[in-house]
Amino acid sequence: MPRVTNSPASRKRRKKVLNYAKGYFGNKSKLFRYAKEAVQHAWQYAYAARKKKKADWRALWIVRLNVACRDNGMSYSRFIEGLKAANIIMDRRVLSDLAIRDEVAFKGLVAQAQAALKVKAAALKQA
């Protein structure tokens, strides 16, 4: 009885890895052993980068908000504290978009945040 090698499936699997590794430099695109390792690393980097992308966007929104808040005489951290005190629940992406596209509405939010901070400060003094 001949030895079973599972040749078609093995070849298909190796070919798939080599296709993923197209464009890699040197042996990493030609030889299965090195391509497999390079592809695995690439997938790990891609996974981490997808997570990091979310943090990068959030950081950008926060920078935009900080600039817009300072233009309206308030720091970013005080603005967020004021929004929480006023029970205004909006994420940073929406706030950033408002700051860029609708300055009047953003100024209204800043005013509400400032008013809520004054109320909070008064309540703390009485307590």
N, C-alpha and C. Protein backbone atom coordinates (compact mmCIF):
# COMPACT_ATOMS: atom_id res chain seq x y z
N MET A 1 0.84 -1.17 0.00
CA MET A 1 0.00 0.00 0.00
C MET A 1 0.89 1.25 0.00
N PRO A 2 0.60 2.24 -0.87
CA PRO A 2 1.46 3.43 -0.95
C PRO A 2 1.25 4.35 0.26
N ARG A 3 2.27 5.14 0.50
CA ARG A 3 2.23 6.10 1.60
C ARG A 3 1.30 7.26 1.23
N VAL A 4 0.47 7.71 2.16
CA VAL A 4 -0.47 8.81 1.93
C VAL A 4 0.21 10.11 2.36
N THR A 5 0.26 11.08 1.45
CA THR A 5 0.98 12.34 1.74
C THR A 5 0.07 13.55 1.87
N ASN A 6 -1.20 13.37 1.50
CA ASN A 6 -2.13 14.51 1.54
C ASN A 6 -1.60 15.65 0.67
N SER A 7 -0.97 15.29 -0.41
CA SER A 7 -0.26 16.24 -1.25
C SER A 7 -1.10 17.42 -1.76
N PRO A 8 -2.30 17.20 -2.32
CA PRO A 8 -3.05 18.34 -2.85
C PRO A 8 -3.38 19.38 -1.78
N ALA A 9 -3.79 18.92 -0.61
CA ALA A 9 -4.14 19.84 0.46
C ALA A 9 -2.91 20.58 0.97
N SER A 10 -1.79 19.86 1.11
CA SER A 10 -0.55 20.49 1.59
C SER A 10 -0.08 21.55 0.61
N ARG A 11 -0.13 21.22 -0.68
CA ARG A 11 0.31 22.17 -1.70
C ARG A 11 -0.58 23.41 -1.69
N LYS A 12 -1.89 23.18 -1.55
CA LYS A 12 -2.82 24.30 -1.53
C LYS A 12 -2.55 25.21 -0.33
N ARG A 13 -2.30 24.59 0.82
CA ARG A 13 -2.03 25.35 2.03
C ARG A 13 -0.75 26.18 1.88
N ARG A 14 0.28 25.57 1.34
CA ARG A 14 1.56 26.29 1.16
C ARG A 14 1.42 27.40 0.13
N LYS A 15 0.68 27.11 -0.92
CA LYS A 15 0.48 28.11 -1.98
C LYS A 15 -0.27 29.32 -1.41
N LYS A 16 -1.23 29.05 -0.54
CA LYS A 16 -2.01 30.13 0.06
C LYS A 16 -1.10 31.04 0.89
N VAL A 17 -0.22 30.44 1.67
CA VAL A 17 0.71 31.23 2.50
C VAL A 17 1.64 32.05 1.61
N LEU A 18 2.14 31.43 0.53
CA LEU A 18 3.04 32.15 -0.38
C LEU A 18 2.31 33.30 -1.08
N ASN A 19 1.02 33.12 -1.36
CA ASN A 19 0.25 34.23 -1.95
C ASN A 19 0.11 35.38 -0.96
N TYR A 20 -0.12 35.06 0.32
CA TYR A 20 -0.18 36.11 1.33
C TYR A 20 1.14 36.86 1.42
N ALA A 21 2.25 36.15 1.17
CA ALA A 21 3.58 36.73 1.34
C ALA A 21 4.09 37.43 0.07
N LYS A 22 3.27 37.53 -0.95
CA LYS A 22 3.69 38.21 -2.17
C LYS A 22 4.12 39.64 -1.85
N GLY A 23 5.23 40.06 -2.42
CA GLY A 23 5.71 41.41 -2.18
C GLY A 23 6.68 41.53 -1.01
N TYR A 24 6.81 40.46 -0.22
CA TYR A 24 7.78 40.49 0.85
C TYR A 24 9.17 40.37 0.25
N PHE A 25 10.17 40.80 0.99
CA PHE A 25 11.53 40.86 0.47
C PHE A 25 12.24 39.52 0.59
N GLY A 26 12.92 39.12 -0.46
CA GLY A 26 13.82 37.96 -0.42
C GLY A 26 13.11 36.64 -0.20
N ASN A 27 13.72 35.80 0.65
CA ASN A 27 13.20 34.47 0.92
C ASN A 27 11.80 34.49 1.50
N LYS A 28 11.42 35.58 2.14
CA LYS A 28 10.13 35.64 2.81
C LYS A 28 8.97 35.57 1.82
N SER A 29 9.24 35.81 0.55
CA SER A 29 8.18 35.70 -0.45
C SER A 29 8.34 34.46 -1.33
N LYS A 30 9.45 33.74 -1.18
CA LYS A 30 9.73 32.63 -2.08
C LYS A 30 9.66 31.26 -1.40
N LEU A 31 10.15 31.18 -0.17
CA LEU A 31 10.27 29.90 0.51
C LEU A 31 9.23 29.78 1.62
N PHE A 32 8.55 28.63 1.65
CA PHE A 32 7.42 28.45 2.55
C PHE A 32 7.80 28.64 4.02
N ARG A 33 8.93 28.09 4.42
CA ARG A 33 9.32 28.13 5.83
C ARG A 33 9.42 29.58 6.32
N TYR A 34 10.01 30.44 5.52
CA TYR A 34 10.21 31.83 5.93
C TYR A 34 8.95 32.67 5.67
N ALA A 35 8.23 32.32 4.64
CA ALA A 35 6.99 33.04 4.34
C ALA A 35 5.97 32.83 5.45
N LYS A 36 5.88 31.60 5.94
CA LYS A 36 4.91 31.28 6.99
C LYS A 36 5.15 32.16 8.22
N GLU A 37 6.40 32.27 8.62
CA GLU A 37 6.75 33.08 9.78
C GLU A 37 6.45 34.56 9.54
N ALA A 38 6.80 35.04 8.33
CA ALA A 38 6.58 36.45 8.02
C ALA A 38 5.09 36.78 7.99
N VAL A 39 4.29 35.88 7.46
CA VAL A 39 2.85 36.11 7.39
C VAL A 39 2.25 36.11 8.80
N GLN A 40 2.69 35.21 9.65
CA GLN A 40 2.19 35.18 11.02
C GLN A 40 2.52 36.48 11.75
N HIS A 41 3.74 36.97 11.57
CA HIS A 41 4.10 38.25 12.19
C HIS A 41 3.26 39.39 11.62
N ALA A 42 3.06 39.37 10.31
CA ALA A 42 2.27 40.42 9.67
C ALA A 42 0.86 40.46 10.25
N TRP A 43 0.28 39.28 10.46
CA TRP A 43 -1.07 39.23 11.02
C TRP A 43 -1.10 39.73 12.46
N GLN A 44 -0.05 39.45 13.21
CA GLN A 44 0.01 39.97 14.58
C GLN A 44 0.09 41.49 14.57
N TYR A 45 0.93 42.03 13.69
CA TYR A 45 1.05 43.48 13.60
C TYR A 45 -0.27 44.11 13.15
N ALA A 46 -0.94 43.46 12.21
CA ALA A 46 -2.21 43.99 11.70
C ALA A 46 -3.26 44.01 12.81
N TYR A 47 -3.30 42.96 13.62
CA TYR A 47 -4.25 42.89 14.73
C TYR A 47 -3.99 44.03 15.71
N ALA A 48 -2.72 44.20 16.09
CA ALA A 48 -2.37 45.26 17.04
C ALA A 48 -2.67 46.64 16.46
N ALA A 49 -2.43 46.80 15.16
CA ALA A 49 -2.64 48.10 14.52
C ALA A 49 -4.12 48.46 14.48
N ARG A 50 -4.97 47.44 14.31
CA ARG A 50 -6.42 47.71 14.32
C ARG A 50 -6.86 48.23 15.68
N LYS A 51 -6.25 47.72 16.74
CA LYS A 51 -6.57 48.21 18.07
C LYS A 51 -6.00 49.62 18.27
N LYS A 52 -4.77 49.82 17.80
CA LYS A 52 -4.11 51.11 17.99
C LYS A 52 -4.80 52.23 17.20
N LYS A 53 -5.38 51.85 16.07
CA LYS A 53 -6.07 52.85 15.25
C LYS A 53 -7.18 53.53 16.04
N LYS A 54 -7.88 52.77 16.85
CA LYS A 54 -8.97 53.33 17.65
C LYS A 54 -8.43 54.34 18.66
N ALA A 55 -7.29 54.01 19.27
CA ALA A 55 -6.67 54.93 20.22
C ALA A 55 -6.16 56.19 19.52
N ASP A 56 -5.63 56.02 18.31
CA ASP A 56 -5.13 57.18 17.56
C ASP A 56 -6.26 58.14 17.21
N TRP A 57 -7.40 57.60 16.79
CA TRP A 57 -8.54 58.45 16.46
C TRP A 57 -9.04 59.19 17.70
N ARG A 58 -9.14 58.45 18.80
CA ARG A 58 -9.60 59.10 20.03
C ARG A 58 -8.65 60.24 20.43
N ALA A 59 -7.35 60.00 20.31
CA ALA A 59 -6.37 61.05 20.64
C ALA A 59 -6.55 62.27 19.73
N LEU A 60 -6.83 62.03 18.45
CA LEU A 60 -7.06 63.14 17.53
C LEU A 60 -8.30 63.93 17.92
N TRP A 61 -9.38 63.23 18.28
CA TRP A 61 -10.60 63.93 18.70
C TRP A 61 -10.34 64.76 19.94
N ILE A 62 -9.55 64.23 20.86
CA ILE A 62 -9.27 64.95 22.10
C ILE A 62 -8.44 66.21 21.82
N VAL A 63 -7.47 66.10 20.91
CA VAL A 63 -6.66 67.27 20.55
C VAL A 63 -7.55 68.35 19.92
N ARG A 64 -8.43 67.94 19.02
CA ARG A 64 -9.35 68.90 18.39
C ARG A 64 -10.25 69.56 19.42
N LEU A 65 -10.76 68.76 20.34
CA LEU A 65 -11.63 69.31 21.38
C LEU A 65 -10.86 70.28 22.27
N ASN A 66 -9.64 69.95 22.61
CA ASN A 66 -8.84 70.82 23.46
C ASN A 66 -8.65 72.19 22.81
N VAL A 67 -8.35 72.17 21.53
CA VAL A 67 -8.16 73.44 20.80
C VAL A 67 -9.46 74.24 20.79
N ALA A 68 -10.56 73.57 20.49
CA ALA A 68 -11.86 74.26 20.43
C ALA A 68 -12.26 74.79 21.80
N CYS A 69 -12.00 74.01 22.85
CA CYS A 69 -12.34 74.46 24.20
C CYS A 69 -11.51 75.67 24.60
N ARG A 70 -10.22 75.64 24.30
CA ARG A 70 -9.36 76.76 24.66
C ARG A 70 -9.73 78.02 23.89
N ASP A 71 -10.23 77.85 22.66
CA ASP A 71 -10.72 79.02 21.92
C ASP A 71 -11.93 79.63 22.61
N ASN A 72 -12.64 78.82 23.39
CA ASN A 72 -13.82 79.29 24.11
C ASN A 72 -13.54 79.53 25.59
N GLY A 73 -12.25 79.62 25.96
CA GLY A 73 -11.87 79.99 27.31
C GLY A 73 -12.01 78.90 28.35
N MET A 74 -11.75 77.68 27.97
CA MET A 74 -11.90 76.57 28.90
C MET A 74 -10.92 75.47 28.50
N SER A 75 -10.45 74.70 29.47
CA SER A 75 -9.57 73.58 29.12
C SER A 75 -10.42 72.35 28.81
N TYR A 76 -9.82 71.42 28.14
CA TYR A 76 -10.53 70.19 27.75
C TYR A 76 -11.02 69.42 28.97
N SER A 77 -10.16 69.26 29.96
CA SER A 77 -10.55 68.45 31.12
C SER A 77 -11.70 69.09 31.89
N ARG A 78 -11.68 70.41 32.02
CA ARG A 78 -12.78 71.11 32.70
C ARG A 78 -14.06 71.01 31.87
N PHE A 79 -13.93 71.04 30.56
CA PHE A 79 -15.09 70.91 29.67
C PHE A 79 -15.76 69.55 29.86
N ILE A 80 -14.96 68.48 29.87
CA ILE A 80 -15.50 67.13 30.05
C ILE A 80 -16.12 67.00 31.43
N GLU A 81 -15.47 67.56 32.46
CA GLU A 81 -16.02 67.54 33.81
C GLU A 81 -17.36 68.27 33.86
N GLY A 82 -17.43 69.41 33.16
CA GLY A 82 -18.68 70.18 33.11
C GLY A 82 -19.79 69.44 32.39
N LEU A 83 -19.45 68.75 31.31
CA LEU A 83 -20.47 67.98 30.59
C LEU A 83 -21.02 66.86 31.48
N LYS A 84 -20.13 66.20 32.22
CA LYS A 84 -20.58 65.13 33.12
C LYS A 84 -21.47 65.71 34.22
N ALA A 85 -21.11 66.89 34.74
CA ALA A 85 -21.91 67.52 35.78
C ALA A 85 -23.28 67.94 35.24
N ALA A 86 -23.34 68.30 33.96
CA ALA A 86 -24.60 68.72 33.33
C ALA A 86 -25.39 67.53 32.78
N ASN A 87 -24.88 66.31 32.98
CA ASN A 87 -25.50 65.09 32.47
C ASN A 87 -25.69 65.11 30.95
N ILE A 88 -24.71 65.63 30.26
CA ILE A 88 -24.69 65.62 28.80
C ILE A 88 -23.79 64.46 28.38
N ILE A 89 -24.38 63.47 27.73
CA ILE A 89 -23.63 62.27 27.37
C ILE A 89 -23.41 62.29 25.86
N MET A 90 -22.20 62.65 25.45
CA MET A 90 -21.80 62.63 24.04
C MET A 90 -20.38 62.11 23.98
N ASP A 91 -20.09 61.28 22.99
CA ASP A 91 -18.73 60.78 22.88
C ASP A 91 -17.82 61.81 22.21
N ARG A 92 -16.54 61.57 22.31
CA ARG A 92 -15.57 62.55 21.84
C ARG A 92 -15.63 62.75 20.33
N ARG A 93 -15.98 61.70 19.60
CA ARG A 93 -16.07 61.83 18.15
C ARG A 93 -17.16 62.83 17.76
N VAL A 94 -18.31 62.72 18.38
CA VAL A 94 -19.42 63.63 18.08
C VAL A 94 -19.08 65.05 18.53
N LEU A 95 -18.49 65.16 19.71
CA LEU A 95 -18.10 66.49 20.20
C LEU A 95 -17.08 67.15 19.27
N SER A 96 -16.11 66.36 18.81
CA SER A 96 -15.09 66.88 17.90
C SER A 96 -15.72 67.34 16.59
N ASP A 97 -16.65 66.54 16.09
CA ASP A 97 -17.34 66.89 14.85
C ASP A 97 -18.14 68.18 15.03
N LEU A 98 -18.80 68.31 16.18
CA LEU A 98 -19.55 69.54 16.47
C LEU A 98 -18.62 70.75 16.53
N ALA A 99 -17.47 70.58 17.17
CA ALA A 99 -16.53 71.68 17.31
C ALA A 99 -16.05 72.18 15.95
N ILE A 100 -15.91 71.25 15.00
CA ILE A 100 -15.41 71.63 13.67
C ILE A 100 -16.53 72.19 12.80
N ARG A 101 -17.68 71.52 12.79
CA ARG A 101 -18.73 71.85 11.83
C ARG A 101 -19.77 72.85 12.32
N ASP A 102 -20.03 72.90 13.63
CA ASP A 102 -21.10 73.76 14.15
C ASP A 102 -20.60 74.48 15.40
N GLU A 103 -19.91 75.60 15.19
CA GLU A 103 -19.29 76.31 16.30
C GLU A 103 -20.32 76.89 17.27
N VAL A 104 -21.46 77.29 16.75
CA VAL A 104 -22.50 77.87 17.62
C VAL A 104 -23.00 76.83 18.61
N ALA A 105 -23.27 75.64 18.12
CA ALA A 105 -23.74 74.57 19.01
C ALA A 105 -22.65 74.21 20.02
N PHE A 106 -21.41 74.20 19.58
CA PHE A 106 -20.31 73.86 20.50
C PHE A 106 -20.18 74.93 21.58
N LYS A 107 -20.33 76.20 21.20
CA LYS A 107 -20.28 77.27 22.20
C LYS A 107 -21.40 77.10 23.22
N GLY A 108 -22.56 76.65 22.77
CA GLY A 108 -23.66 76.37 23.69
C GLY A 108 -23.30 75.27 24.67
N LEU A 109 -22.64 74.22 24.18
CA LEU A 109 -22.20 73.14 25.06
C LEU A 109 -21.18 73.64 26.08
N VAL A 110 -20.27 74.49 25.63
CA VAL A 110 -19.26 75.06 26.54
C VAL A 110 -19.96 75.88 27.62
N ALA A 111 -20.94 76.66 27.23
CA ALA A 111 -21.68 77.47 28.20
C ALA A 111 -22.41 76.59 29.21
N GLN A 112 -23.02 75.51 28.74
CA GLN A 112 -23.70 74.59 29.65
C GLN A 112 -22.72 73.93 30.61
N ALA A 113 -21.55 73.58 30.10
CA ALA A 113 -20.53 72.95 30.93
C ALA A 113 -20.05 73.93 32.00
N GLN A 114 -19.84 75.20 31.62
CA GLN A 114 -19.39 76.20 32.58
C GLN A 114 -20.45 76.43 33.66
N ALA A 115 -21.71 76.48 33.24
CA ALA A 115 -22.80 76.68 34.21
C ALA A 115 -22.87 75.50 35.18
N ALA A 116 -22.73 74.30 34.67
CA ALA A 116 -22.78 73.11 35.53
C ALA A 116 -21.61 73.10 36.51
N LEU A 117 -20.45 73.56 36.07
CA LEU A 117 -19.30 73.62 36.97
C LEU A 117 -19.52 74.63 38.10
N LYS A 118 -20.17 75.75 37.77
CA LYS A 118 -20.47 76.75 38.81
C LYS A 118 -21.44 76.20 39.84
N VAL A 119 -22.45 75.47 39.36
CA VAL A 119 -23.41 74.85 40.27
C VAL A 119 -22.71 73.82 41.16
N LYS A 120 -21.83 73.05 40.55
CA LYS A 120 -21.08 72.02 41.30
C LYS A 120 -20.19 72.66 42.36
N ALA A 121 -19.52 73.75 41.99
CA ALA A 121 -18.65 74.44 42.94
C ALA A 121 -19.46 75.03 44.11
N ALA A 122 -20.63 75.57 43.79
CA ALA A 122 -21.48 76.13 44.84
C ALA A 122 -21.96 75.04 45.78
N ALA A 123 -22.32 73.90 45.25
CA ALA A 123 -22.77 72.78 46.06
C ALA A 123 -21.65 72.26 46.97
N LEU A 124 -20.41 72.27 46.46
CA LEU A 124 -19.28 71.82 47.26
C LEU A 124 -18.98 72.79 48.40
N LYS A 125 -19.19 74.11 48.16
CA LYS A 125 -18.93 75.09 49.20
C LYS A 125 -19.94 74.95 50.34
N GLN A 126 -21.18 74.65 50.00
CA GLN A 126 -22.21 74.51 51.02
C GLN A 126 -22.03 73.23 51.85
N ALA A 127 -21.45 72.22 51.25
CA ALA A 127 -21.32 70.94 51.96
C ALA A 127 -20.21 70.91 52.97
